[in-house]
Structures are given as C-alpha cells and as structure tokens.
Protein backbone atom coordinates (compact mmCIF):
# COMPACT_ATOMS: atom_id res chain seq x y z
CA MET A 1 153.00 102.83 130.30
CA LYS A 2 150.99 100.50 128.09
CA HIS A 3 150.35 97.07 129.55
CA ASN A 4 152.21 94.28 127.75
CA ASP A 5 149.01 92.23 127.46
CA MET A 6 146.93 95.09 126.02
CA LYS A 7 145.63 94.37 122.53
CA THR A 8 146.51 96.56 119.56
CA ARG A 9 143.87 98.52 117.62
CA ASP A 10 144.18 96.17 114.62
CA GLU A 11 143.54 93.12 116.82
CA ILE A 12 140.51 94.81 118.42
CA ARG A 13 139.13 95.86 115.03
CA GLN A 14 139.23 92.26 113.83
CA ALA A 15 137.41 91.17 116.99
CA MET A 16 134.75 93.85 116.40
CA GLN A 17 134.27 92.74 112.78
CA ALA A 18 133.95 89.11 113.88
CA ALA A 19 131.34 90.09 116.48
CA LEU A 20 129.42 92.12 113.88
CA GLN A 21 129.31 89.19 111.48
CA LYS A 22 128.03 86.85 114.19
CA ASP A 23 125.67 89.51 115.62
CA ASP A 24 127.29 88.77 119.00
CA LYS A 25 126.41 91.86 121.06
CA GLU A 26 128.25 90.64 124.12
CA ALA A 27 131.48 90.06 122.20
CA PHE A 28 131.10 93.44 120.49
CA ALA A 29 130.67 95.15 123.87
CA VAL A 30 133.85 93.45 125.15
CA ALA A 31 135.77 94.47 121.99
CA MET A 32 134.43 98.03 122.25
CA ASN A 33 135.58 98.16 125.87
CA ASP A 34 139.05 96.99 124.76
CA MET A 35 139.09 99.73 122.10
CA MET A 36 138.12 102.41 124.63
CA GLU A 37 140.85 101.20 127.01
CA CYS A 38 143.43 101.08 124.22
CA ILE A 39 142.59 104.60 122.93
CA GLY A 40 142.44 105.97 126.47
CA GLU A 41 145.82 104.51 127.30
CA GLU A 42 147.34 105.91 124.09
CA ILE A 43 145.94 109.37 124.78
CA ARG A 44 147.10 109.30 128.39
CA GLN A 45 150.60 108.33 127.28
CA ASP A 46 150.52 111.00 124.58
CA TYR A 47 149.32 113.57 127.10
CA GLU A 48 152.01 112.73 129.65
CA GLY A 49 154.71 112.87 126.99
CA ARG A 50 153.57 116.20 125.61
CA ILE A 51 153.10 117.80 129.04
CA GLU A 52 156.63 116.71 129.93
CA GLN A 53 157.94 118.50 126.84
CA LEU A 54 155.65 121.51 127.16
CA ARG A 55 155.92 122.03 130.89
CA GLN A 56 156.62 125.70 130.52
CA GLU A 57 154.84 126.24 127.17
CA ASN A 58 151.11 126.84 127.00
CA ASP A 59 150.91 129.00 123.91
CA SER A 60 148.51 127.58 121.29
CA LYS A 61 151.04 128.11 118.50
CA VAL A 62 153.50 125.82 120.23
CA LEU A 63 150.80 123.17 120.73
CA THR A 64 149.91 123.42 117.03
CA SER A 65 153.54 122.95 116.00
CA ARG A 66 153.69 119.82 118.17
CA GLY A 67 150.69 118.20 116.45
CA VAL A 68 147.87 118.99 118.87
CA ARG A 69 144.65 119.89 117.04
CA GLN A 70 143.65 123.41 118.04
CA LEU A 71 139.96 123.85 118.79
CA THR A 72 137.72 126.59 117.50
CA SER A 73 136.06 128.79 120.09
CA ALA A 74 132.79 126.88 119.54
CA GLU A 75 134.54 123.50 119.99
CA LYS A 76 136.36 124.61 123.13
CA GLN A 77 133.13 125.94 124.63
CA TYR A 78 131.35 122.70 123.80
CA TYR A 79 133.98 120.44 125.38
CA GLN A 80 134.25 122.65 128.46
CA LYS A 81 130.50 122.41 129.04
CA LEU A 82 130.49 118.71 128.14
CA GLY A 83 133.24 118.03 130.66
CA GLU A 84 131.38 119.92 133.37
CA ALA A 85 128.22 117.89 132.67
CA MET A 86 130.14 114.60 132.70
CA ARG A 87 131.68 115.47 136.06
CA ALA A 88 128.29 116.29 137.57
CA ALA A 89 126.80 114.06 140.26
CA GLU A 90 123.81 113.41 137.96
CA PRO A 91 125.34 113.34 134.45
CA LYS A 92 122.13 112.17 132.77
CA GLN A 93 120.25 115.23 134.00
CA ALA A 94 123.17 117.54 133.34
CA LEU A 95 123.51 116.35 129.76
CA ALA A 96 119.76 116.59 129.20
CA ASN A 97 119.88 120.25 130.24
CA LEU A 98 123.04 121.01 128.26
CA ASP A 99 122.18 123.97 126.00
CA ILE A 100 124.95 123.36 123.47
CA VAL A 101 125.43 120.71 120.77
CA MET A 102 128.54 119.20 119.13
CA PRO A 103 129.82 121.60 116.46
CA GLU A 104 129.74 120.29 112.87
CA THR A 105 133.50 120.86 112.63
CA VAL A 106 134.11 117.99 115.06
CA ILE A 107 132.31 115.34 113.03
CA ASP A 108 133.70 116.88 109.78
CA SER A 109 137.18 116.26 111.18
CA VAL A 110 136.26 112.60 111.76
CA PHE A 111 134.95 112.27 108.20
CA GLU A 112 138.13 113.81 106.82
CA ASP A 113 140.20 111.22 108.70
CA LEU A 114 137.99 108.44 107.29
CA ARG A 115 138.37 109.79 103.76
CA THR A 116 142.14 110.00 104.00
CA ASP A 117 143.27 107.27 106.42
CA HIS A 118 140.89 104.29 106.32
CA PRO A 119 142.02 101.70 103.71
CA LEU A 120 138.50 101.08 102.34
CA LEU A 121 136.55 104.29 103.07
CA SER A 122 139.32 106.42 101.57
CA ARG A 123 138.83 104.69 98.20
CA ILE A 124 135.06 104.85 97.72
CA GLY A 125 132.61 107.69 97.13
CA PHE A 126 132.32 108.75 100.79
CA LEU A 127 130.23 111.85 101.57
CA SER A 128 129.60 113.79 104.78
CA THR A 129 125.91 114.68 104.97
CA GLY A 130 122.92 115.15 107.26
CA GLY A 131 120.26 112.69 108.39
CA ALA A 132 118.72 112.08 104.95
CA ILE A 133 119.73 112.94 101.41
CA LYS A 134 118.64 112.69 97.79
CA MET A 135 121.04 112.58 94.90
CA LEU A 136 120.90 112.53 91.11
CA MET A 137 122.68 109.62 89.48
CA ASN A 138 123.56 109.27 85.80
CA THR A 139 121.82 106.15 84.50
CA ASN A 140 124.10 105.81 81.48
CA GLY A 141 127.81 105.65 80.91
CA TYR A 142 129.99 106.58 77.92
CA GLN A 143 128.31 108.64 75.17
CA GLU A 144 129.69 109.44 71.75
CA ALA A 145 128.97 112.63 69.80
CA GLN A 146 127.80 112.36 66.18
CA TRP A 147 129.64 114.19 63.41
CA GLY A 148 127.69 115.74 60.52
CA ASN A 149 126.65 118.91 58.71
CA LEU A 150 124.92 121.64 60.70
CA THR A 151 121.76 121.07 58.68
CA ASP A 152 121.73 117.29 59.19
CA ALA A 153 118.75 115.84 60.97
CA ILE A 154 119.33 114.30 64.36
CA ILE A 155 120.42 110.78 63.53
CA LYS A 156 121.43 109.46 66.89
CA GLU A 157 119.38 109.33 70.07
CA LEU A 158 121.20 110.04 73.31
CA LEU A 159 120.11 107.48 75.86
CA SER A 160 121.75 109.16 78.83
CA GLY A 161 119.47 110.23 81.66
CA PHE A 162 119.34 110.79 85.37
CA LYS A 163 117.34 109.27 88.19
CA GLU A 164 116.79 110.43 91.74
CA ILE A 165 118.15 108.21 94.51
CA ASP A 166 116.68 108.45 98.00
CA ALA A 167 119.51 107.63 100.37
CA THR A 168 117.85 107.84 103.76
CA LEU A 169 120.51 107.18 106.36
CA LEU A 170 120.40 104.47 109.02
CA LYS A 171 121.27 104.95 112.68
CA LEU A 172 124.56 103.86 114.19
CA SER A 173 124.94 104.05 117.96
CA ALA A 174 128.42 104.52 119.42
CA PHE A 175 129.20 104.13 123.11
CA LEU A 176 131.89 106.30 124.72
CA PRO A 177 133.05 105.00 128.11
CA VAL A 178 134.97 107.97 129.54
CA CYS A 179 137.29 107.60 132.53
CA LYS A 180 136.55 110.43 135.00
CA ALA A 181 140.26 111.19 135.26
CA MET A 182 140.38 111.97 131.52
CA LEU A 183 138.01 114.89 132.01
CA GLU A 184 140.79 116.68 133.88
CA LEU A 185 143.05 116.63 130.78
CA GLY A 186 141.17 119.51 129.20
CA PRO A 187 139.09 120.22 126.05
CA GLU A 188 141.82 119.36 123.48
CA TRP A 189 142.36 115.89 124.88
CA LEU A 190 138.65 115.19 125.35
CA ASP A 191 138.19 116.24 121.70
CA SER A 192 140.94 113.83 120.61
CA TYR A 193 139.34 110.98 122.55
CA VAL A 194 135.81 111.62 121.25
CA ARG A 195 136.94 111.97 117.62
CA GLN A 196 138.98 108.75 117.75
CA ILE A 197 136.06 106.81 119.27
CA LEU A 198 133.74 108.14 116.57
CA TYR A 199 136.32 107.19 113.92
CA GLU A 200 136.49 103.59 115.17
CA ALA A 201 132.69 103.28 115.50
CA LEU A 202 132.06 104.62 112.00
CA ALA A 203 134.96 102.72 110.42
CA ASN A 204 133.92 99.32 111.79
CA GLY A 205 130.18 99.79 111.32
CA LEU A 206 130.49 101.13 107.78
CA GLU A 207 133.10 98.61 106.65
CA ALA A 208 130.93 95.63 107.65
CA GLY A 209 127.90 97.11 105.86
CA ILE A 210 129.74 98.30 102.75
CA VAL A 211 131.26 94.91 102.06
CA LYS A 212 128.47 92.49 103.04
CA GLY A 213 125.40 94.42 104.25
CA ASP A 214 122.09 92.89 103.11
CA GLY A 215 120.17 96.20 102.87
CA LYS A 216 117.76 95.44 105.71
CA GLU A 217 118.39 98.32 108.11
CA LYS A 218 121.99 98.15 106.85
CA PRO A 219 123.89 99.43 103.82
CA ILE A 220 123.69 97.35 100.63
CA GLY A 221 127.00 95.52 100.36
CA MET A 222 129.27 95.25 97.32
CA MET A 223 128.53 91.52 97.06
CA ARG A 224 124.75 92.10 96.71
CA GLN A 225 122.65 92.33 93.54
CA VAL A 226 121.14 95.76 92.82
CA GLY A 227 119.26 97.44 89.99
CA ASP A 228 116.07 96.90 88.01
CA GLY A 229 114.70 93.39 88.06
CA VAL A 230 116.33 92.38 91.35
CA THR A 231 113.89 90.78 93.77
CA VAL A 232 114.22 92.25 97.28
CA THR A 233 112.64 89.98 99.91
CA GLY A 234 111.80 91.46 103.28
CA GLY A 235 114.23 94.29 102.66
CA VAL A 236 117.09 91.84 101.95
CA TYR A 237 118.98 92.14 98.65
CA PRO A 238 120.12 88.79 97.20
CA ALA A 239 123.81 87.90 97.21
CA LYS A 240 125.59 87.55 93.90
CA GLU A 241 126.79 84.14 92.78
CA LYS A 242 130.51 83.66 93.44
CA ILE A 243 132.94 83.45 90.52
CA LYS A 244 135.60 80.80 91.04
CA VAL A 245 139.13 82.25 90.78
CA ASN A 246 142.04 79.79 90.84
CA ASP A 247 144.79 82.19 89.80
CA LEU A 248 145.50 85.88 89.19
CA SER A 249 147.01 85.43 85.74
CA VAL A 250 146.77 88.05 83.01
CA LYS A 251 143.98 86.15 81.28
CA THR A 252 141.93 85.58 84.44
CA VAL A 253 142.20 89.16 85.66
CA GLY A 254 141.45 90.45 82.16
CA ASN A 255 138.28 88.36 81.96
CA LEU A 256 137.12 89.67 85.33
CA ILE A 257 137.86 93.31 84.51
CA SER A 258 136.00 92.96 81.20
CA LEU A 259 132.81 92.21 83.12
CA ILE A 260 133.19 95.48 85.06
CA ALA A 261 134.07 97.49 81.95
CA ALA A 262 130.45 97.52 80.68
CA ASP A 263 127.73 99.39 82.58
CA PRO A 264 124.23 97.91 83.04
CA ASN A 265 123.11 99.69 79.84
CA GLY A 266 125.77 97.88 77.81
CA LYS A 267 127.91 101.00 77.36
CA SER A 268 131.69 100.73 77.65
CA ARG A 269 133.30 102.64 80.50
CA THR A 270 136.77 103.36 81.80
CA VAL A 271 137.79 101.03 84.59
CA ARG A 272 139.61 102.80 87.41
CA ASP A 273 139.95 102.75 91.21
CA VAL A 274 139.86 98.94 91.21
CA LEU A 275 139.78 97.31 94.65
CA LEU A 276 140.38 93.67 95.60
CA ILE A 277 139.02 93.16 99.12
CA VAL A 278 140.04 89.97 100.94
CA ASN A 279 140.03 88.43 104.39
CA PRO A 280 143.28 89.27 106.30
CA GLN A 281 144.24 85.63 106.76
CA ASP A 282 143.49 84.88 103.11
CA TYR A 283 145.74 87.77 102.14
CA PHE A 284 148.80 86.21 103.77
CA GLN A 285 147.99 82.57 102.90
CA LYS A 286 146.58 82.99 99.39
CA VAL A 287 146.71 86.48 97.87
CA MET A 288 150.24 87.43 98.94
CA PRO A 289 151.75 84.18 97.54
CA ALA A 290 149.79 84.77 94.32
CA THR A 291 150.95 88.38 93.92
CA THR A 292 154.55 88.40 95.18
CA VAL A 293 157.55 88.30 92.84
CA MET A 294 161.29 88.42 93.38
CA ALA A 295 163.15 91.35 91.83
CA PRO A 296 166.56 90.93 90.15
CA ASP A 297 168.26 92.34 93.27
CA GLY A 298 166.81 89.54 95.42
CA THR A 299 164.17 91.67 97.15
CA TYR A 300 160.44 90.95 96.88
CA ARG A 301 157.62 92.99 95.39
CA ASN A 302 154.19 92.50 96.91
CA ASP A 303 150.73 93.04 95.39
CA VAL A 304 151.95 92.66 91.80
CA VAL A 305 148.88 92.10 89.62
CA PRO A 306 148.23 92.36 85.85
CA TYR A 307 145.92 95.41 86.19
CA PRO A 308 146.37 98.37 88.56
CA MET A 309 144.36 97.75 91.73
CA THR A 310 144.53 98.24 95.48
CA ILE A 311 144.39 95.12 97.65
CA ILE A 312 142.56 95.79 100.92
CA GLN A 313 142.31 93.47 103.90
CA SER A 314 138.92 93.38 105.62
CA ALA A 315 137.79 91.10 108.45
CA ALA A 316 134.23 91.70 107.21
CA LEU A 317 134.81 88.92 104.66
CA GLU A 318 134.84 85.21 105.48
CA ARG A 319 137.79 83.02 104.54
CA GLY A 320 137.72 82.02 100.88
CA GLU A 321 135.62 84.94 99.61
CA ALA A 322 136.66 88.24 98.03
CA VAL A 323 135.18 91.27 96.28
CA LEU A 324 136.57 92.88 93.12
CA GLY A 325 135.22 96.16 91.78
CA MET A 326 135.54 99.89 91.27
CA GLY A 327 135.66 101.84 94.51
CA ASN A 328 134.33 105.01 92.88
CA LYS A 329 131.14 103.09 92.03
CA TYR A 330 130.19 102.59 95.67
CA PHE A 331 128.39 105.49 97.35
CA ALA A 332 128.46 105.88 101.14
CA ALA A 333 127.20 108.75 103.24
CA ALA A 334 127.40 109.48 106.95
CA GLY A 335 126.30 112.32 109.18
CA MET A 336 125.24 113.29 112.66
CA ASN A 337 121.71 113.88 113.86
CA LYS A 338 120.58 117.50 114.02
CA GLU A 339 120.57 117.46 117.81
CA GLY A 340 124.28 116.57 117.84
CA ARG A 341 124.10 115.48 121.47
CA ILE A 342 126.04 113.02 123.58
CA GLU A 343 123.69 111.32 126.04
CA TYR A 344 124.32 109.53 129.30
CA SER A 345 123.68 105.78 129.06
CA ASP A 346 123.33 103.16 131.78
CA GLN A 347 123.02 100.30 129.27
CA TYR A 348 126.63 99.22 129.71
CA GLN A 349 128.96 99.42 132.69
CA PHE A 350 132.62 98.54 132.27
CA LEU A 351 134.60 99.95 135.22
CA GLU A 352 133.65 101.85 138.36
CA ASP A 353 135.57 104.98 137.39
CA ASN A 354 134.06 104.98 133.87
CA ARG A 355 130.88 106.71 132.81
CA VAL A 356 129.27 105.50 129.61
CA TYR A 357 127.80 107.88 127.04
CA LEU A 358 125.91 107.42 123.79
CA VAL A 359 126.21 109.35 120.54
CA LYS A 360 123.94 108.71 117.55
CA LEU A 361 125.34 108.84 114.03
CA TYR A 362 123.76 108.13 110.65
CA ALA A 363 125.16 106.30 107.63
CA ASN A 364 124.21 104.27 104.56
CA GLY A 365 125.71 103.01 101.32
CA PHE A 366 125.00 101.10 98.11
CA PRO A 367 126.67 100.04 94.83
CA MET A 368 125.83 102.45 92.02
CA ASP A 369 125.19 99.59 89.58
CA ASN A 370 125.14 95.81 89.47
CA ASN A 371 128.21 95.43 87.23
CA ALA A 372 130.53 97.51 89.41
CA PHE A 373 131.47 94.68 91.80
CA LEU A 374 132.08 90.92 91.50
CA TYR A 375 131.81 88.36 94.28
CA LEU A 376 134.72 85.90 94.11
CA ASP A 377 135.56 82.46 95.47
CA ILE A 378 139.34 82.41 96.10
CA SER A 379 139.39 79.31 98.32
CA ASP A 380 141.57 77.47 95.77
CA LEU A 381 143.74 80.42 94.68
CA GLU A 382 147.15 79.10 93.66
CA PRO A 383 150.51 80.76 94.47
CA LEU A 384 152.46 82.50 91.71
CA THR A 385 155.25 80.21 90.48
CA TYR A 386 157.89 80.35 87.79
CA LYS A 387 158.44 76.63 87.58
CA VAL A 388 158.52 75.44 83.96
CA GLU A 389 156.41 72.35 83.50
CA GLN A 390 154.29 70.73 80.83
CA VAL A 391 150.61 71.04 81.63
CA SER A 392 147.98 69.06 79.78
CA SER A 393 144.81 70.77 78.69
CA GLY A 394 142.88 68.43 80.96
CA ASP A 395 144.27 70.25 84.01
CA ALA A 396 142.33 73.38 83.09
CA SER A 397 138.80 73.86 84.38
CA ASN A 398 135.96 72.28 82.40
CA ASP A 399 133.31 74.49 84.01
CA ALA A 400 131.27 75.91 81.11
CA GLU A 401 128.29 77.16 83.12
CA LEU A 402 127.00 80.66 83.76
CA SER A 403 126.51 82.01 87.26
CA ASP A 404 124.04 84.66 86.01
CA LEU A 405 122.27 85.74 82.82
CA LYS A 406 120.40 89.02 82.51
CA ILE A 407 118.63 90.60 79.53
CA GLY A 408 117.96 94.12 80.71
CA SER A 409 115.30 93.91 83.41
CA LEU A 410 113.32 91.23 81.54
CA SER A 411 112.01 88.27 83.52
CA LEU A 412 113.32 84.95 82.24
CA SER A 413 110.98 81.98 82.23
CA PRO A 414 111.85 79.82 84.02
CA ALA A 415 113.94 81.82 86.52
CA PHE A 416 117.65 81.54 85.74
CA ALA A 417 119.50 78.48 87.04
CA LYS A 418 122.98 77.53 85.87
CA THR A 419 121.82 74.01 84.95
CA THR A 420 118.88 75.22 82.82
CA THR A 421 119.79 76.14 79.24
CA THR A 422 116.48 77.14 77.58
CA TYR A 423 114.40 80.21 78.45
CA THR A 424 111.78 82.58 77.08
CA ALA A 425 111.19 86.30 77.66
CA ALA A 426 108.95 89.05 76.31
CA THR A 427 109.67 92.74 75.68
CA ALA A 428 108.22 95.87 74.13
CA ASN A 429 111.63 97.58 74.02
CA ALA A 430 113.64 98.17 70.89
CA THR A 431 116.81 97.04 72.68
CA ASN A 432 117.91 95.31 75.87
CA THR A 433 121.36 94.73 77.31
CA VAL A 434 122.57 91.10 77.41
CA THR A 435 124.93 90.40 80.34
CA ALA A 436 126.30 86.90 80.93
CA THR A 437 128.52 86.11 83.94
CA PRO A 438 130.62 82.92 83.89
CA ALA A 439 130.77 80.61 86.91
CA ASP A 440 134.52 80.23 86.31
CA ALA A 441 136.71 83.29 85.61
CA GLY A 442 138.79 81.41 83.01
CA ALA A 443 135.81 80.72 80.74
CA GLU A 444 135.11 82.70 77.57
CA ILE A 445 131.65 83.88 76.49
CA SER A 446 130.17 84.40 73.05
CA VAL A 447 126.77 86.11 72.62
CA LYS A 448 124.78 85.88 69.36
CA VAL A 449 121.44 87.53 68.61
CA ASN A 450 119.64 86.05 65.63
CA GLY A 451 122.98 84.62 64.49
CA THR A 452 124.92 87.87 64.73
CA GLU A 453 127.60 88.10 67.43
CA ILE A 454 127.54 91.04 69.84
CA ASP A 455 129.80 91.97 72.77
CA ASN A 456 128.87 90.55 76.12
CA GLY A 457 127.32 93.38 78.14
CA SER A 458 126.16 95.33 75.08
CA ALA A 459 122.63 96.04 73.80
CA ALA A 460 120.75 93.59 71.57
CA THR A 461 118.40 95.07 68.95
CA TRP A 462 115.12 93.18 68.53
CA LYS A 463 113.06 92.56 65.44
CA SER A 464 109.31 92.17 65.76
CA GLY A 465 108.24 88.71 66.79
CA SER A 466 110.63 85.96 67.84
CA ASN A 467 114.35 86.58 68.50
CA THR A 468 116.99 84.03 69.53
CA VAL A 469 119.77 84.86 71.96
CA ALA A 470 122.46 82.18 72.13
CA VAL A 471 125.09 82.47 74.85
CA THR A 472 127.95 79.98 74.41
CA VAL A 473 130.36 79.40 77.28
CA THR A 474 133.75 77.83 76.47
CA ALA A 475 135.50 76.45 79.53
CA ALA A 476 139.14 77.20 80.35
CA ASP A 477 140.11 73.80 78.96
CA GLY A 478 139.21 75.14 75.50
CA THR A 479 136.96 72.20 74.61
CA THR A 480 134.02 72.03 77.02
CA THR A 481 131.14 74.24 75.90
CA LYS A 482 127.60 74.94 76.95
CA THR A 483 124.98 77.07 75.17
CA TYR A 484 122.14 78.91 76.86
CA THR A 485 119.25 79.89 74.57
CA VAL A 486 116.66 82.59 75.26
CA THR A 487 113.72 83.15 72.89
CA VAL A 488 112.78 86.85 73.21
CA THR A 489 109.38 87.84 71.75
CA LYS A 490 109.05 91.53 70.87
CA SER A 491 105.51 92.83 70.75
C-alpha cells in the first residue's frame, strides 16, 4: 500500500520546478528520488492489483483489454536484455556490451503522452525529432490576393517569404533509479516504469525552459525577446518588459490580444490557441477570483474570460508574473540520441537495493516571433466583483508610458527607455513596422507617421529624407498622455 506520508506527483513536480529555478541540484536530486519512489510504488500497486485479477489469465489480448500496453517484439526483446544487464553483477559493463538499443516506438509513446496529456506541452507546437533539425518558417502572416483583369500588370508585391531555422537540440539527462525487485515484474512493467520516468523528466525540463529559459544552453522562453534587432549577450536573450495587468475586464483583455493580433511584419493574423500561464498559488489567490462567476442556479463557473483561452498553472513562473500568448506560435522539439542507450551511473545513490541509470534525451524550443507572447505583471490583479459603486476617473491608472518601442529592426538612438521620449533612426527600406507596447494594459496607443494615423503594429511607408513618427499613449484615466517621437531618415 502507498505510505500515508508519500508525496503526490503534483507536489513533487512543484518541488522539481522550484529546484530548477534555483539551480539547486541537491534539491532536484531529492525531488527526483521522491518521483522515482512515487512512480515505483504506483506501478507496484498496479502490478499487484492486476496480477490478482489476472491470476489465471496470461493471454496478451486479455492484458490489452485491461489497459496494459502490449510491447512489440523489438520492445520486448529490448526490455528482456535490459533487465538481464541490470541484474548482472557488473551492470556498467553489461550495459556497455549490450548490443541492442531502445526502439524508437518507446520514446514515440512518451512524446504522444506529452502531446495529449501535459497541460502546456499538449497546447504548443511540439515535435518528435532526432538530435538536430532544420525547419522552414514563414516570415510573413496574412496575405491578400489582388483582383484584376488577366492582362493587368502585377500591381501588388507579395512580401511573404521563408527562412531556415536551425534548431539544434540541447541535452537533457534523466536518471532512472530502478529497484532490483522491479526487474522481476517483466518487460511490460519495466517499459511502463521507464516511459513514465522519461515523461516526468521531459515534462519538467521542457516546461521550465519553454516558459522562462534564457536561451543559453536552454530553450528560449516565452517571456524572452526574439527576432531581428534583439541583442543576445553571452547566449542570453533579454527578458521582455512586464505589462501591468490589474483586471481581466473586456477592455483590458482586448487591448492585450490586439498586441498579439499583428505579426512582426505588421500583418494582421487570426488569434487562436491563446494560453494564460500563471503560478499555481497565483491561480487560486488572484486568477481564480478574477475569473469565477456565479451562475443563476447558484453554482460557480471557473476560468470565465472575455476571450477564449486556456489557463495553465506552472510552477516555472514566480509569484506575480504570467505569460499570455498563442500556444501554436511556440515551437518545441525533443528526441533521443541515435545510440538510444541507457547507461549505468554511479553519480547518485539513493537506496541500497536501487541501481541508478542514465538516459540522454535532446530537446529545444523557441517563440516563432516576438509578438506571439506577452510578459505580464499580475501582482495587483483584482477579483471579479459585481458590486455597483461610483468610481472616479482618478482611480484609473495614470501610467502613459511605453514598455517597448520597435520600428522594424532599426536601431533607435538613444536606446529605448520608457522615460525618454525623443529618438532618431535611419533606414534604406521603403517601409518598416511600428510596434508600440504600453507599460499598462489599460492604456490606448495612437501612432502617426508624418501626421497620418496608422494601426499600431502595421507598416509605415517612408518618404525620402526626414519622417516623423509620433506615438501617443493615453493612460487608462483618459486624461494623462505621453508622446514619443522618432525622426526616421530615409536615404
């Protein structure tokens, strides 16, 4: 039976995420040991229960009908030989001489579980691959065809193109402490144990990198800046400036979604697969109170927001911070090395009857563009209330500053700072995209180029010589404004 004081998988996962954030290897080793013990206990209980029911039934069809994954001949052969090597007096030597590698179907099964069961990985562009990949990515978004006579000259240039992305994968090492007694359960149960350990290792390692990774021997997280013009220092991608979010009202959520609805080229795109990722404690103390309503029958509805989105809890985020964006605009890949071997390791020792093994996996990830995800500050998020009260305009935020201002990949002089309002830039391009991000989600933005208003996130067309870009921010209070001016010289 399971010990009363044994931690649950969710508790252990949070401990692993906390250890990853603090880079506390000792704490991670302890949490990993707890995970191995928890999974081992669950499998032993499952095994004992099934054997009790199937005492007289060994037919594979019966096992399949009871939910036991049936192994292919290659998988069964692999686990039989792996078990023999693990039981050997010298497992390191036995594994080194093992003339069989883990079949691809085993790791494919793990990836399928990640794609379907994990709250975050099931909602992003997650791909099973080898040790290194290259992919073609569309550099433009929505395109519109041009009507006209068959003999008309081409009157509209299509800006869409593709670029090659080198997504070399980074190594993840997973430790598998295996109790010797478990080897006697047979290939099917050893397969279940190995796949569940790989699932946990990949899920925790990838989740931490996907949300907050800095790009230095890690994935590039959703809250990092990417794209042309971003300065990468020592392999580290800079974090985005946080956008203050005090409520999840229709207006606030609409303003945030509008920033995602334009791609980096200024083209409009359909917003779908929206994710709001928050710290688990913040979910219950801030997000749940801000998104829960009472139905007419007296029951409650959770996660009610103005725009369709999935709210995901992740211990990878600190209290007070959140990420909002389109899950389909994050690319992640994972695979196993070509050798596909499990190796004996004497780096960790947990219990006398355990032997510790090492398997090497590969994974990486990055946002597909800089507009796809927003980094939020929800530390002052207010609960949803229906109380009718008179609110003066002075209660609204008077923050009329920008958190970021980009004109294509042009370099602003001086470098952007929210307190600096005057800049210069030079370009040889006919157009550049103007993207202004408010420091407060309730603020409204107006962009004018040479006196003509354009949509925020769309392309500005330059005339030869001097051009004036004026970005006016109107705070949520409706009265406080601030204008940022950029003089763009086209050569």
